[in-house]
N, C-alpha and C. Protein backbone atom coordinates (compact mmCIF):
# COMPACT_ATOMS: atom_id res chain seq x y z
N ASP A 1 93.48 17.38 119.55
CA ASP A 1 94.92 17.29 119.29
C ASP A 1 95.61 16.28 120.20
N GLY A 2 94.84 15.60 121.04
CA GLY A 2 95.44 14.65 121.98
C GLY A 2 96.04 15.31 123.21
N LYS A 3 95.83 16.61 123.39
CA LYS A 3 96.36 17.32 124.55
C LYS A 3 95.35 17.29 125.69
N LEU A 4 95.87 17.24 126.93
CA LEU A 4 94.99 17.27 128.09
C LEU A 4 94.35 18.65 128.23
N VAL A 5 93.04 18.68 128.33
CA VAL A 5 92.31 19.94 128.49
C VAL A 5 92.04 20.22 129.96
N GLN A 6 91.47 19.24 130.65
CA GLN A 6 91.20 19.41 132.07
C GLN A 6 91.15 18.03 132.72
N ASP A 7 91.69 17.95 133.92
CA ASP A 7 91.72 16.70 134.67
C ASP A 7 90.88 16.88 135.93
N ILE A 8 89.79 16.13 136.04
CA ILE A 8 88.92 16.20 137.22
C ILE A 8 89.25 14.99 138.08
N GLU A 9 89.95 15.23 139.18
CA GLU A 9 90.54 14.13 139.95
C GLU A 9 89.64 13.60 141.06
N ARG A 10 88.66 14.37 141.50
CA ARG A 10 87.85 13.92 142.64
C ARG A 10 86.36 14.00 142.31
N PRO A 11 85.92 13.22 141.35
CA PRO A 11 84.48 13.20 141.06
C PRO A 11 83.73 12.48 142.18
N SER A 12 82.43 12.66 142.19
CA SER A 12 81.60 11.98 143.17
C SER A 12 81.74 10.47 143.03
N ARG A 13 81.79 9.77 144.16
CA ARG A 13 81.95 8.31 144.13
C ARG A 13 80.92 7.64 145.02
N GLU A 14 79.70 8.18 145.06
CA GLU A 14 78.63 7.56 145.84
C GLU A 14 78.12 6.32 145.10
N LYS A 15 77.53 5.42 145.84
CA LYS A 15 76.94 4.24 145.21
C LYS A 15 75.78 4.68 144.34
N GLY A 16 75.64 4.03 143.19
CA GLY A 16 74.53 4.36 142.30
C GLY A 16 74.97 5.29 141.19
N LEU A 17 74.03 6.07 140.67
CA LEU A 17 74.28 6.96 139.54
C LEU A 17 74.94 8.25 140.01
N ASN A 18 76.02 8.64 139.34
CA ASN A 18 76.71 9.88 139.67
C ASN A 18 76.76 10.77 138.44
N ARG A 19 76.77 12.07 138.66
CA ARG A 19 76.84 13.01 137.55
C ARG A 19 77.92 14.05 137.84
N ILE A 20 78.66 14.40 136.82
CA ILE A 20 79.64 15.47 136.94
C ILE A 20 79.58 16.31 135.68
N ALA A 21 79.75 17.61 135.81
CA ALA A 21 79.64 18.50 134.66
C ALA A 21 81.00 19.11 134.33
N TRP A 22 81.37 19.05 133.08
CA TRP A 22 82.56 19.76 132.61
C TRP A 22 82.13 21.19 132.29
N ASN A 23 82.87 22.16 132.74
CA ASN A 23 82.50 23.56 132.53
C ASN A 23 82.97 24.12 131.20
N LEU A 24 83.37 23.24 130.28
CA LEU A 24 83.81 23.64 128.93
C LEU A 24 85.00 24.60 128.99
N ARG A 25 85.89 24.33 129.94
CA ARG A 25 87.06 25.19 130.11
C ARG A 25 88.33 24.35 130.23
N LEU A 26 89.45 25.00 129.96
CA LEU A 26 90.74 24.42 130.26
C LEU A 26 90.95 24.45 131.77
N GLY A 27 92.00 23.79 132.23
CA GLY A 27 92.31 23.83 133.65
C GLY A 27 92.65 25.25 134.10
N GLY A 28 92.36 25.55 135.35
CA GLY A 28 92.61 26.88 135.89
C GLY A 28 94.06 27.07 136.33
N PRO A 29 94.39 28.26 136.83
CA PRO A 29 95.77 28.53 137.27
C PRO A 29 96.07 27.87 138.60
N GLU A 30 97.35 27.73 138.88
CA GLU A 30 97.78 27.36 140.23
C GLU A 30 97.32 28.46 141.18
N VAL A 31 96.97 28.09 142.40
CA VAL A 31 96.49 29.08 143.35
C VAL A 31 97.52 29.26 144.47
N ARG A 32 97.47 30.43 145.09
CA ARG A 32 98.38 30.70 146.21
C ARG A 32 98.00 29.85 147.42
N ARG A 33 96.72 29.74 147.67
CA ARG A 33 96.20 28.89 148.74
C ARG A 33 94.84 28.37 148.32
N PRO A 34 94.43 27.20 148.79
CA PRO A 34 93.13 26.65 148.39
C PRO A 34 92.00 27.62 148.74
N PRO A 35 91.03 27.78 147.83
CA PRO A 35 89.91 28.67 148.14
C PRO A 35 89.08 28.13 149.29
N SER A 36 88.55 29.02 150.10
CA SER A 36 87.69 28.60 151.21
C SER A 36 86.34 28.16 150.67
N GLU A 37 85.56 27.50 151.51
CA GLU A 37 84.22 27.08 151.11
C GLU A 37 83.37 28.29 150.73
N GLU A 38 83.54 29.40 151.47
CA GLU A 38 82.77 30.61 151.17
C GLU A 38 83.15 31.17 149.81
N GLU A 39 84.45 31.17 149.50
CA GLU A 39 84.90 31.69 148.20
C GLU A 39 84.38 30.82 147.06
N VAL A 40 84.40 29.50 147.24
CA VAL A 40 83.90 28.60 146.21
C VAL A 40 82.41 28.82 146.01
N ALA A 41 81.67 28.97 147.12
CA ALA A 41 80.22 29.17 147.03
C ALA A 41 79.88 30.50 146.36
N PHE A 42 80.71 31.52 146.61
CA PHE A 42 80.42 32.85 146.07
C PHE A 42 80.83 32.99 144.61
N GLY A 43 82.05 32.57 144.30
CA GLY A 43 82.55 32.79 142.94
C GLY A 43 83.03 31.55 142.23
N GLY A 44 83.01 30.40 142.93
CA GLY A 44 83.52 29.18 142.32
C GLY A 44 85.03 29.10 142.41
N ALA A 45 85.56 27.93 142.11
CA ALA A 45 87.01 27.74 142.11
C ALA A 45 87.64 28.50 140.94
N PRO A 46 88.94 28.78 140.99
CA PRO A 46 89.60 29.47 139.87
C PRO A 46 89.36 28.74 138.56
N ARG A 47 88.99 29.49 137.53
CA ARG A 47 88.61 28.87 136.26
C ARG A 47 89.67 29.13 135.20
N GLY A 48 89.75 28.18 134.28
CA GLY A 48 90.61 28.35 133.12
C GLY A 48 89.84 28.99 131.98
N PRO A 49 90.48 29.20 130.84
CA PRO A 49 89.80 29.80 129.68
C PRO A 49 88.76 28.85 129.08
N GLN A 50 87.76 29.44 128.43
CA GLN A 50 86.78 28.64 127.71
C GLN A 50 87.45 27.96 126.50
N VAL A 51 87.04 26.73 126.22
CA VAL A 51 87.60 26.03 125.07
C VAL A 51 86.96 26.54 123.79
N LEU A 52 87.62 26.31 122.68
CA LEU A 52 87.07 26.65 121.38
C LEU A 52 86.08 25.58 120.92
N PRO A 53 85.19 25.92 120.00
CA PRO A 53 84.32 24.89 119.42
C PRO A 53 85.17 23.78 118.80
N GLY A 54 84.69 22.55 118.90
CA GLY A 54 85.43 21.43 118.32
C GLY A 54 85.02 20.12 118.97
N THR A 55 85.71 19.07 118.61
CA THR A 55 85.42 17.74 119.14
C THR A 55 86.44 17.38 120.21
N TYR A 56 85.94 16.95 121.36
CA TYR A 56 86.78 16.62 122.50
C TYR A 56 86.50 15.18 122.93
N THR A 57 87.49 14.57 123.56
CA THR A 57 87.35 13.21 124.06
C THR A 57 87.25 13.24 125.58
N VAL A 58 86.22 12.62 126.10
CA VAL A 58 86.06 12.47 127.55
C VAL A 58 86.51 11.06 127.92
N LYS A 59 87.45 10.96 128.83
CA LYS A 59 87.98 9.66 129.24
C LYS A 59 87.69 9.47 130.73
N LEU A 60 87.00 8.38 131.05
CA LEU A 60 86.69 8.03 132.44
C LEU A 60 87.49 6.79 132.82
N THR A 61 88.29 6.92 133.88
CA THR A 61 89.08 5.79 134.36
C THR A 61 88.53 5.32 135.69
N VAL A 62 88.11 4.06 135.74
CA VAL A 62 87.59 3.45 136.96
C VAL A 62 88.43 2.21 137.25
N ASN A 63 89.27 2.32 138.28
CA ASN A 63 90.22 1.24 138.57
C ASN A 63 91.05 0.95 137.32
N ASP A 64 90.93 -0.25 136.75
CA ASP A 64 91.74 -0.58 135.57
C ASP A 64 90.94 -0.49 134.28
N LYS A 65 89.72 0.06 134.36
CA LYS A 65 88.89 0.18 133.17
C LYS A 65 88.88 1.63 132.67
N VAL A 66 88.92 1.79 131.35
CA VAL A 66 88.90 3.12 130.74
C VAL A 66 87.75 3.19 129.75
N PHE A 67 86.93 4.23 129.88
CA PHE A 67 85.79 4.44 128.98
C PHE A 67 86.00 5.78 128.27
N GLU A 68 85.72 5.83 126.98
CA GLU A 68 85.90 7.06 126.20
C GLU A 68 84.65 7.37 125.40
N GLU A 69 84.35 8.67 125.30
CA GLU A 69 83.27 9.14 124.44
C GLU A 69 83.70 10.46 123.81
N ARG A 70 83.17 10.75 122.63
CA ARG A 70 83.44 12.02 121.97
C ARG A 70 82.34 13.02 122.33
N VAL A 71 82.73 14.28 122.49
CA VAL A 71 81.80 15.36 122.79
C VAL A 71 82.06 16.50 121.82
N GLU A 72 81.02 17.02 121.21
CA GLU A 72 81.16 18.16 120.31
C GLU A 72 80.74 19.43 121.02
N VAL A 73 81.64 20.39 121.07
CA VAL A 73 81.36 21.70 121.67
C VAL A 73 81.03 22.66 120.53
N LYS A 74 79.85 23.27 120.61
CA LYS A 74 79.40 24.17 119.55
C LYS A 74 79.35 25.60 120.07
N LEU A 75 79.49 26.54 119.14
CA LEU A 75 79.39 27.95 119.47
C LEU A 75 77.93 28.35 119.45
N ASP A 76 77.52 29.15 120.42
CA ASP A 76 76.15 29.66 120.45
C ASP A 76 75.84 30.34 119.12
N ALA A 77 74.67 30.01 118.57
CA ALA A 77 74.31 30.54 117.24
C ALA A 77 74.23 32.06 117.22
N GLY A 78 74.01 32.66 118.39
CA GLY A 78 73.89 34.12 118.44
C GLY A 78 75.23 34.85 118.48
N ILE A 79 76.33 34.11 118.61
CA ILE A 79 77.65 34.73 118.69
C ILE A 79 78.24 34.83 117.30
N LYS A 80 78.62 36.03 116.92
CA LYS A 80 79.11 36.27 115.55
C LYS A 80 80.63 36.41 115.49
N THR A 81 81.30 36.21 116.62
CA THR A 81 82.76 36.32 116.63
C THR A 81 83.39 35.21 115.82
N SER A 82 84.43 35.53 115.06
CA SER A 82 85.10 34.51 114.25
C SER A 82 85.95 33.60 115.12
N ILE A 83 86.23 32.39 114.61
CA ILE A 83 87.08 31.45 115.34
C ILE A 83 88.48 32.04 115.53
N ALA A 84 88.95 32.79 114.53
CA ALA A 84 90.29 33.39 114.63
C ALA A 84 90.35 34.37 115.81
N GLU A 85 89.29 35.15 115.99
CA GLU A 85 89.26 36.10 117.11
C GLU A 85 89.17 35.37 118.44
N LEU A 86 88.36 34.31 118.48
CA LEU A 86 88.26 33.51 119.70
C LEU A 86 89.60 32.85 120.03
N GLN A 87 90.30 32.40 119.00
CA GLN A 87 91.62 31.78 119.20
C GLN A 87 92.60 32.81 119.77
N GLU A 88 92.53 34.05 119.27
CA GLU A 88 93.42 35.10 119.77
C GLU A 88 93.16 35.37 121.24
N ALA A 89 91.89 35.42 121.62
CA ALA A 89 91.54 35.64 123.03
C ALA A 89 92.00 34.47 123.88
N LEU A 90 91.80 33.24 123.36
CA LEU A 90 92.22 32.05 124.11
C LEU A 90 93.72 32.04 124.32
N ASP A 91 94.49 32.36 123.28
CA ASP A 91 95.95 32.37 123.39
C ASP A 91 96.40 33.36 124.47
N MET A 92 95.75 34.52 124.50
CA MET A 92 96.12 35.52 125.49
C MET A 92 95.74 35.05 126.90
N GLN A 93 94.57 34.42 127.03
CA GLN A 93 94.14 33.93 128.33
C GLN A 93 95.06 32.83 128.85
N ILE A 94 95.51 31.95 127.96
CA ILE A 94 96.41 30.88 128.38
C ILE A 94 97.72 31.49 128.92
N LYS A 95 98.23 32.51 128.23
CA LYS A 95 99.45 33.18 128.70
C LYS A 95 99.21 33.80 130.07
N LEU A 96 98.06 34.47 130.23
CA LEU A 96 97.74 35.10 131.51
C LEU A 96 97.57 34.06 132.61
N ARG A 97 96.91 32.95 132.29
CA ARG A 97 96.75 31.88 133.28
C ARG A 97 98.10 31.36 133.74
N ASP A 98 99.00 31.12 132.79
CA ASP A 98 100.32 30.57 133.14
C ASP A 98 101.16 31.59 133.91
N MET A 99 101.02 32.87 133.56
CA MET A 99 101.70 33.92 134.31
C MET A 99 101.19 33.96 135.75
N GLN A 100 99.87 33.86 135.89
CA GLN A 100 99.25 33.86 137.21
C GLN A 100 99.72 32.66 138.03
N SER A 101 99.83 31.51 137.38
CA SER A 101 100.30 30.31 138.06
C SER A 101 101.71 30.51 138.61
N THR A 102 102.62 31.05 137.78
CA THR A 102 104.00 31.26 138.22
C THR A 102 104.06 32.19 139.42
N LEU A 103 103.30 33.28 139.38
CA LEU A 103 103.32 34.23 140.49
C LEU A 103 102.69 33.63 141.74
N ASN A 104 101.61 32.86 141.59
CA ASN A 104 100.97 32.25 142.75
C ASN A 104 101.87 31.20 143.40
N VAL A 105 102.59 30.43 142.58
CA VAL A 105 103.53 29.46 143.14
C VAL A 105 104.67 30.20 143.86
N SER A 106 105.09 31.34 143.29
CA SER A 106 106.12 32.15 143.95
C SER A 106 105.63 32.64 145.30
N LEU A 107 104.41 33.16 145.33
CA LEU A 107 103.84 33.66 146.58
C LEU A 107 103.68 32.54 147.60
N ARG A 108 103.27 31.36 147.12
CA ARG A 108 103.08 30.22 148.01
C ARG A 108 104.42 29.80 148.63
N PHE A 109 105.48 29.83 147.83
CA PHE A 109 106.80 29.47 148.36
C PHE A 109 107.26 30.52 149.38
N LEU A 110 107.04 31.78 149.08
CA LEU A 110 107.43 32.84 150.02
C LEU A 110 106.61 32.75 151.31
N ASP A 111 105.33 32.39 151.20
CA ASP A 111 104.51 32.16 152.40
C ASP A 111 105.15 31.07 153.27
N SER A 112 105.62 30.00 152.61
CA SER A 112 106.25 28.90 153.34
C SER A 112 107.52 29.37 154.05
N LEU A 113 108.31 30.20 153.37
CA LEU A 113 109.53 30.71 154.00
C LEU A 113 109.21 31.54 155.24
N LYS A 114 108.17 32.35 155.16
CA LYS A 114 107.78 33.16 156.32
C LYS A 114 107.41 32.28 157.50
N GLU A 115 106.67 31.20 157.22
CA GLU A 115 106.29 30.28 158.29
C GLU A 115 107.52 29.61 158.88
N GLN A 116 108.48 29.25 158.04
CA GLN A 116 109.72 28.63 158.53
C GLN A 116 110.49 29.60 159.42
N LEU A 117 110.52 30.88 159.03
CA LEU A 117 111.22 31.88 159.83
C LEU A 117 110.54 32.07 161.18
N LYS A 118 109.22 32.07 161.19
CA LYS A 118 108.49 32.21 162.45
C LYS A 118 108.72 30.99 163.35
N GLN A 119 108.77 29.80 162.72
CA GLN A 119 109.07 28.59 163.49
C GLN A 119 110.48 28.66 164.05
N ALA A 120 111.42 29.20 163.27
CA ALA A 120 112.80 29.34 163.74
C ALA A 120 112.86 30.28 164.95
N GLN A 121 112.08 31.36 164.90
CA GLN A 121 112.03 32.27 166.05
C GLN A 121 111.57 31.52 167.30
N THR A 122 110.50 30.74 167.15
CA THR A 122 109.97 29.99 168.29
C THR A 122 110.98 28.96 168.79
N THR A 123 111.61 28.25 167.85
CA THR A 123 112.57 27.22 168.22
C THR A 123 113.74 27.80 169.00
N MET A 124 114.30 28.90 168.53
CA MET A 124 115.47 29.49 169.19
C MET A 124 115.10 30.06 170.55
N LYS A 125 113.87 30.56 170.69
CA LYS A 125 113.43 31.06 172.01
C LYS A 125 113.27 29.90 172.99
N ASN A 126 112.78 28.77 172.48
CA ASN A 126 112.59 27.61 173.36
C ASN A 126 113.92 26.98 173.76
N LEU A 127 114.91 27.05 172.88
CA LEU A 127 116.21 26.46 173.17
C LEU A 127 117.05 27.33 174.09
N ASN A 128 116.84 28.63 174.00
CA ASN A 128 117.67 29.56 174.79
C ASN A 128 116.78 30.59 175.47
N LYS A 129 116.95 30.74 176.76
CA LYS A 129 116.17 31.76 177.46
C LYS A 129 116.51 33.15 176.94
N GLU A 130 117.78 33.33 176.55
CA GLU A 130 118.21 34.60 175.98
C GLU A 130 118.88 34.32 174.64
N PRO A 131 118.07 34.15 173.58
CA PRO A 131 118.65 33.84 172.25
C PRO A 131 119.47 35.01 171.73
N ASP A 132 120.37 34.70 170.83
CA ASP A 132 121.26 35.70 170.24
C ASP A 132 120.43 36.84 169.66
N LYS A 133 120.72 38.06 170.12
CA LYS A 133 119.95 39.22 169.68
C LYS A 133 120.12 39.48 168.18
N ASP A 134 121.35 39.28 167.69
CA ASP A 134 121.58 39.49 166.26
C ASP A 134 120.80 38.48 165.42
N LEU A 135 120.73 37.24 165.88
CA LEU A 135 119.96 36.23 165.18
C LEU A 135 118.48 36.60 165.15
N MET A 136 117.93 36.97 166.30
CA MET A 136 116.50 37.27 166.37
C MET A 136 116.14 38.50 165.52
N LYS A 137 117.07 39.47 165.49
CA LYS A 137 116.83 40.64 164.65
C LYS A 137 116.88 40.25 163.17
N ALA A 138 117.83 39.37 162.82
CA ALA A 138 117.95 38.92 161.44
C ALA A 138 116.68 38.19 161.01
N LEU A 139 116.16 37.32 161.85
CA LEU A 139 114.94 36.59 161.52
C LEU A 139 113.78 37.55 161.28
N GLU A 140 113.67 38.56 162.12
CA GLU A 140 112.60 39.55 161.95
C GLU A 140 112.80 40.34 160.67
N ASP A 141 114.04 40.70 160.36
CA ASP A 141 114.33 41.45 159.13
C ASP A 141 114.03 40.60 157.90
N TYR A 142 114.33 39.30 157.97
CA TYR A 142 114.06 38.42 156.83
C TYR A 142 112.56 38.36 156.54
N ILE A 143 111.76 38.30 157.59
CA ILE A 143 110.30 38.27 157.40
C ILE A 143 109.83 39.56 156.73
N LYS A 144 110.38 40.68 157.17
CA LYS A 144 110.00 41.97 156.57
C LYS A 144 110.42 42.04 155.10
N ASP A 145 111.60 41.48 154.78
CA ASP A 145 112.07 41.48 153.40
C ASP A 145 111.15 40.65 152.51
N ILE A 146 110.68 39.52 153.03
CA ILE A 146 109.75 38.69 152.25
C ILE A 146 108.43 39.43 152.05
N ASP A 147 107.97 40.13 153.08
CA ASP A 147 106.74 40.93 152.94
C ASP A 147 106.89 41.95 151.82
N LYS A 148 108.03 42.61 151.78
CA LYS A 148 108.27 43.62 150.74
C LYS A 148 108.25 43.00 149.36
N LEU A 149 108.88 41.82 149.22
CA LEU A 149 108.92 41.14 147.93
C LEU A 149 107.51 40.71 147.52
N GLN A 150 106.75 40.18 148.45
CA GLN A 150 105.38 39.76 148.14
C GLN A 150 104.50 40.95 147.78
N ASP A 151 104.73 42.08 148.43
CA ASP A 151 103.92 43.26 148.15
C ASP A 151 104.15 43.78 146.73
N ARG A 152 105.26 43.42 146.12
CA ARG A 152 105.53 43.81 144.74
C ARG A 152 104.87 42.85 143.74
N LEU A 153 104.39 41.72 144.26
CA LEU A 153 103.73 40.74 143.40
C LEU A 153 102.21 40.85 143.48
N ALA A 154 101.68 41.03 144.67
CA ALA A 154 100.23 41.02 144.87
C ALA A 154 99.84 42.02 145.94
N ALA A 155 98.64 42.57 145.80
CA ALA A 155 98.12 43.51 146.80
C ALA A 155 97.85 42.77 148.09
N ARG A 156 98.27 43.34 149.20
CA ARG A 156 98.04 42.70 150.50
C ARG A 156 96.64 43.05 150.99
N ASN A 157 95.90 42.05 151.44
CA ASN A 157 94.57 42.28 151.96
C ASN A 157 94.70 42.90 153.35
N GLU A 158 94.09 44.07 153.52
CA GLU A 158 94.21 44.77 154.80
C GLU A 158 93.03 44.48 155.73
N GLY A 159 92.20 43.51 155.35
CA GLY A 159 91.04 43.18 156.18
C GLY A 159 89.80 43.92 155.74
N LEU A 160 88.64 43.39 156.09
CA LEU A 160 87.34 43.98 155.77
C LEU A 160 87.18 44.20 154.27
N GLY A 161 87.87 43.37 153.48
CA GLY A 161 87.71 43.45 152.03
C GLY A 161 88.58 44.50 151.37
N PHE A 162 89.32 45.28 152.17
CA PHE A 162 90.17 46.32 151.59
C PHE A 162 91.54 45.76 151.29
N ALA A 163 92.08 46.12 150.15
CA ALA A 163 93.39 45.61 149.75
C ALA A 163 94.31 46.78 149.45
N GLY A 164 95.59 46.48 149.38
CA GLY A 164 96.57 47.50 149.04
C GLY A 164 96.56 47.83 147.56
N LYS A 165 97.58 48.55 147.14
CA LYS A 165 97.69 48.96 145.74
C LYS A 165 97.76 47.74 144.82
N SER A 166 97.03 47.81 143.71
CA SER A 166 97.02 46.71 142.74
C SER A 166 98.44 46.43 142.24
N GLN A 167 98.80 45.14 142.19
CA GLN A 167 100.10 44.74 141.71
C GLN A 167 99.92 43.79 140.52
N VAL A 168 101.04 43.28 140.01
CA VAL A 168 101.01 42.58 138.72
C VAL A 168 100.09 41.36 138.73
N VAL A 169 100.07 40.57 139.81
CA VAL A 169 99.20 39.40 139.81
C VAL A 169 97.73 39.81 139.79
N ASP A 170 97.41 40.95 140.41
CA ASP A 170 96.04 41.45 140.39
C ASP A 170 95.67 41.96 139.00
N ASP A 171 96.61 42.63 138.33
CA ASP A 171 96.37 43.13 136.98
C ASP A 171 96.16 41.98 136.00
N ILE A 172 96.93 40.91 136.17
CA ILE A 172 96.78 39.74 135.31
C ILE A 172 95.39 39.14 135.47
N GLY A 173 94.95 38.99 136.72
CA GLY A 173 93.64 38.43 136.98
C GLY A 173 92.52 39.29 136.42
N THR A 174 92.67 40.61 136.52
CA THR A 174 91.65 41.52 136.00
C THR A 174 91.52 41.40 134.49
N LEU A 175 92.64 41.39 133.77
CA LEU A 175 92.59 41.27 132.32
C LEU A 175 92.03 39.91 131.91
N PHE A 176 92.37 38.86 132.63
CA PHE A 176 91.84 37.53 132.33
C PHE A 176 90.32 37.54 132.38
N VAL A 177 89.76 38.17 133.41
CA VAL A 177 88.29 38.22 133.56
C VAL A 177 87.67 39.01 132.42
N PHE A 178 88.28 40.12 132.03
CA PHE A 178 87.72 40.94 130.95
C PHE A 178 87.76 40.22 129.61
N LEU A 179 88.70 39.27 129.46
CA LEU A 179 88.79 38.50 128.22
C LEU A 179 87.86 37.30 128.21
N ASP A 180 87.22 37.03 129.35
CA ASP A 180 86.42 35.82 129.48
C ASP A 180 85.02 36.02 128.89
N LEU A 181 85.01 36.47 127.66
CA LEU A 181 83.77 36.68 126.91
C LEU A 181 83.96 36.09 125.52
N ASN A 182 82.90 35.93 124.80
CA ASN A 182 83.00 35.35 123.46
C ASN A 182 83.30 36.41 122.41
N PHE A 183 84.38 37.14 122.65
CA PHE A 183 84.84 38.17 121.72
C PHE A 183 86.36 38.10 121.62
N GLY A 184 86.90 38.65 120.56
CA GLY A 184 88.35 38.76 120.46
C GLY A 184 88.84 39.90 121.34
N PRO A 185 90.13 39.93 121.67
CA PRO A 185 90.66 41.02 122.50
C PRO A 185 90.57 42.36 121.77
N THR A 186 90.20 43.39 122.52
CA THR A 186 90.13 44.74 121.95
C THR A 186 91.54 45.31 121.85
N LEU A 187 91.66 46.43 121.15
CA LEU A 187 92.95 47.11 121.04
C LEU A 187 93.45 47.52 122.41
N GLY A 188 92.55 48.02 123.25
CA GLY A 188 92.93 48.42 124.60
C GLY A 188 93.44 47.26 125.43
N GLN A 189 92.79 46.09 125.28
CA GLN A 189 93.23 44.91 126.02
C GLN A 189 94.60 44.44 125.54
N LYS A 190 94.84 44.52 124.24
CA LYS A 190 96.16 44.15 123.71
C LYS A 190 97.23 45.09 124.26
N GLN A 191 96.92 46.37 124.31
CA GLN A 191 97.89 47.33 124.84
C GLN A 191 98.14 47.09 126.33
N TYR A 192 97.06 46.76 127.05
CA TYR A 192 97.19 46.50 128.48
C TYR A 192 98.06 45.27 128.71
N PHE A 193 97.86 44.22 127.89
CA PHE A 193 98.69 43.02 128.00
C PHE A 193 100.16 43.36 127.73
N ALA A 194 100.39 44.23 126.74
CA ALA A 194 101.77 44.63 126.40
C ALA A 194 102.42 45.38 127.56
N GLU A 195 101.63 46.01 128.42
CA GLU A 195 102.17 46.69 129.61
C GLU A 195 102.41 45.70 130.75
N ILE A 196 101.50 44.74 130.88
CA ILE A 196 101.59 43.79 131.98
C ILE A 196 102.75 42.82 131.81
N GLU A 197 102.97 42.36 130.58
CA GLU A 197 103.95 41.30 130.34
C GLU A 197 105.35 41.67 130.80
N PRO A 198 105.89 42.85 130.45
CA PRO A 198 107.24 43.18 130.94
C PRO A 198 107.27 43.38 132.45
N ALA A 199 106.18 43.89 133.03
CA ALA A 199 106.13 44.03 134.50
C ALA A 199 106.17 42.65 135.15
N TYR A 200 105.47 41.71 134.56
CA TYR A 200 105.49 40.32 135.06
C TYR A 200 106.91 39.76 135.01
N ARG A 201 107.58 39.91 133.86
CA ARG A 201 108.93 39.37 133.72
C ARG A 201 109.88 39.99 134.74
N ALA A 202 109.71 41.30 135.00
CA ALA A 202 110.57 41.98 135.96
C ALA A 202 110.36 41.43 137.37
N ARG A 203 109.10 41.17 137.74
CA ARG A 203 108.81 40.65 139.08
C ARG A 203 109.34 39.22 139.23
N VAL A 204 109.19 38.41 138.19
CA VAL A 204 109.70 37.04 138.25
C VAL A 204 111.22 37.07 138.41
N GLU A 205 111.89 37.99 137.73
CA GLU A 205 113.34 38.08 137.84
C GLU A 205 113.74 38.51 139.26
N GLU A 206 112.93 39.36 139.90
CA GLU A 206 113.21 39.74 141.29
C GLU A 206 113.13 38.51 142.20
N VAL A 207 112.12 37.70 141.99
CA VAL A 207 111.98 36.47 142.78
C VAL A 207 113.16 35.54 142.51
N ASN A 208 113.52 35.39 141.23
CA ASN A 208 114.63 34.50 140.89
C ASN A 208 115.96 34.99 141.47
N LYS A 209 116.16 36.30 141.49
CA LYS A 209 117.38 36.85 142.09
C LYS A 209 117.40 36.54 143.59
N PHE A 210 116.24 36.64 144.22
CA PHE A 210 116.14 36.29 145.64
C PHE A 210 116.50 34.82 145.85
N LEU A 211 116.00 33.94 144.98
CA LEU A 211 116.26 32.51 145.11
C LEU A 211 117.73 32.18 144.85
N ARG A 212 118.33 32.87 143.86
CA ARG A 212 119.72 32.58 143.48
C ARG A 212 120.72 33.15 144.46
N GLU A 213 120.45 34.37 144.97
CA GLU A 213 121.47 35.09 145.73
C GLU A 213 121.11 35.26 147.21
N THR A 214 119.95 35.83 147.48
CA THR A 214 119.61 36.20 148.86
C THR A 214 119.37 34.99 149.75
N LEU A 215 118.56 34.05 149.29
CA LEU A 215 118.21 32.90 150.12
C LEU A 215 119.43 32.08 150.53
N PRO A 216 120.37 31.77 149.61
CA PRO A 216 121.58 31.05 150.04
C PRO A 216 122.39 31.83 151.08
N GLN A 217 122.44 33.17 150.96
CA GLN A 217 123.16 33.98 151.93
C GLN A 217 122.51 33.89 153.31
N TRP A 218 121.17 33.92 153.31
CA TRP A 218 120.46 33.78 154.59
C TRP A 218 120.79 32.44 155.24
N ASN A 219 120.79 31.37 154.44
CA ASN A 219 121.06 30.05 155.01
C ASN A 219 122.48 29.94 155.55
N ASP A 220 123.42 30.58 154.88
CA ASP A 220 124.80 30.59 155.39
C ASP A 220 124.86 31.24 156.77
N LYS A 221 124.16 32.35 156.93
CA LYS A 221 124.15 33.04 158.23
C LYS A 221 123.43 32.22 159.29
N LEU A 222 122.32 31.57 158.90
CA LEU A 222 121.58 30.75 159.86
C LEU A 222 122.41 29.56 160.33
N ARG A 223 123.17 28.96 159.42
CA ARG A 223 124.06 27.85 159.81
C ARG A 223 125.10 28.32 160.82
N ALA A 224 125.62 29.51 160.59
CA ALA A 224 126.64 30.05 161.50
C ALA A 224 126.07 30.26 162.90
N TRP A 225 124.77 30.53 162.98
CA TRP A 225 124.10 30.70 164.28
C TRP A 225 123.55 29.38 164.83
N ASN A 226 123.78 28.28 164.09
CA ASN A 226 123.19 26.98 164.46
C ASN A 226 121.67 27.05 164.55
N ALA A 227 121.10 27.82 163.64
CA ALA A 227 119.65 27.97 163.56
C ALA A 227 119.11 27.15 162.39
N PRO A 228 117.83 26.79 162.41
CA PRO A 228 117.25 26.03 161.28
C PRO A 228 117.39 26.80 159.97
N THR A 229 117.78 26.11 158.93
CA THR A 229 117.89 26.74 157.60
C THR A 229 116.56 26.66 156.88
N LEU A 230 116.48 27.37 155.75
CA LEU A 230 115.24 27.51 155.00
C LEU A 230 115.26 26.63 153.76
N THR A 231 114.08 26.21 153.34
CA THR A 231 113.93 25.42 152.12
C THR A 231 114.37 26.25 150.91
N THR A 232 115.06 25.63 149.99
CA THR A 232 115.46 26.30 148.75
C THR A 232 114.71 25.67 147.57
N ARG A 233 114.73 26.34 146.44
CA ARG A 233 114.14 25.79 145.23
C ARG A 233 114.80 26.43 144.01
N LYS A 234 114.59 25.82 142.85
CA LYS A 234 115.14 26.36 141.61
C LYS A 234 114.39 27.62 141.21
N PRO A 235 115.06 28.54 140.51
CA PRO A 235 114.35 29.73 140.00
C PRO A 235 113.25 29.33 139.04
N PHE A 236 112.34 30.24 138.82
CA PHE A 236 111.19 29.98 137.93
C PHE A 236 111.59 30.27 136.47
């Protein structure tokens, strides 16, 4: 259809013959933080949905030269699932991937705000031997408020592999994995998606309300204290 399926930006560039493999998938979701080497080695980088059978164009750009070839993706002969069912699963996975991306970008932005607040604490302590007690309490309260908001989006890792109660971003990821088979979505999976989607919308609206109302109020108070203000952004 002429649509971008996946963009591989850092292929091997050693002298001589190089090889790279396309995993027959669309691009993966935005991540909260880059995966560690251990995570990549254990489970690989975040993956997108499997593509449907069809003809795809591979385009290689080297400096100012562009090379193109066609590739045909075929369905395993042993799979009896119809294309319509595979399309239904793909459509659901794309929605889940995009939902996961929005929540991960939200979490990443909130992580940044927490770091800015911690830097503000350090800065005000360095500038004043006895910084304003109300300011320091406000900064600590703001960090706690962000923690609470993040805890409604994703389970907090408590260390040693243990995590808190499953939240919407975790539920989205779980359903995505269960759909990552060559079958159409089951009735139970459709019902589960119908439960997740409104929960997702509610959490995004909580983040947007924070961006529209709470964050500007915090910055107004920080300016009054002559303290560093926080980065703002548009709602999702």
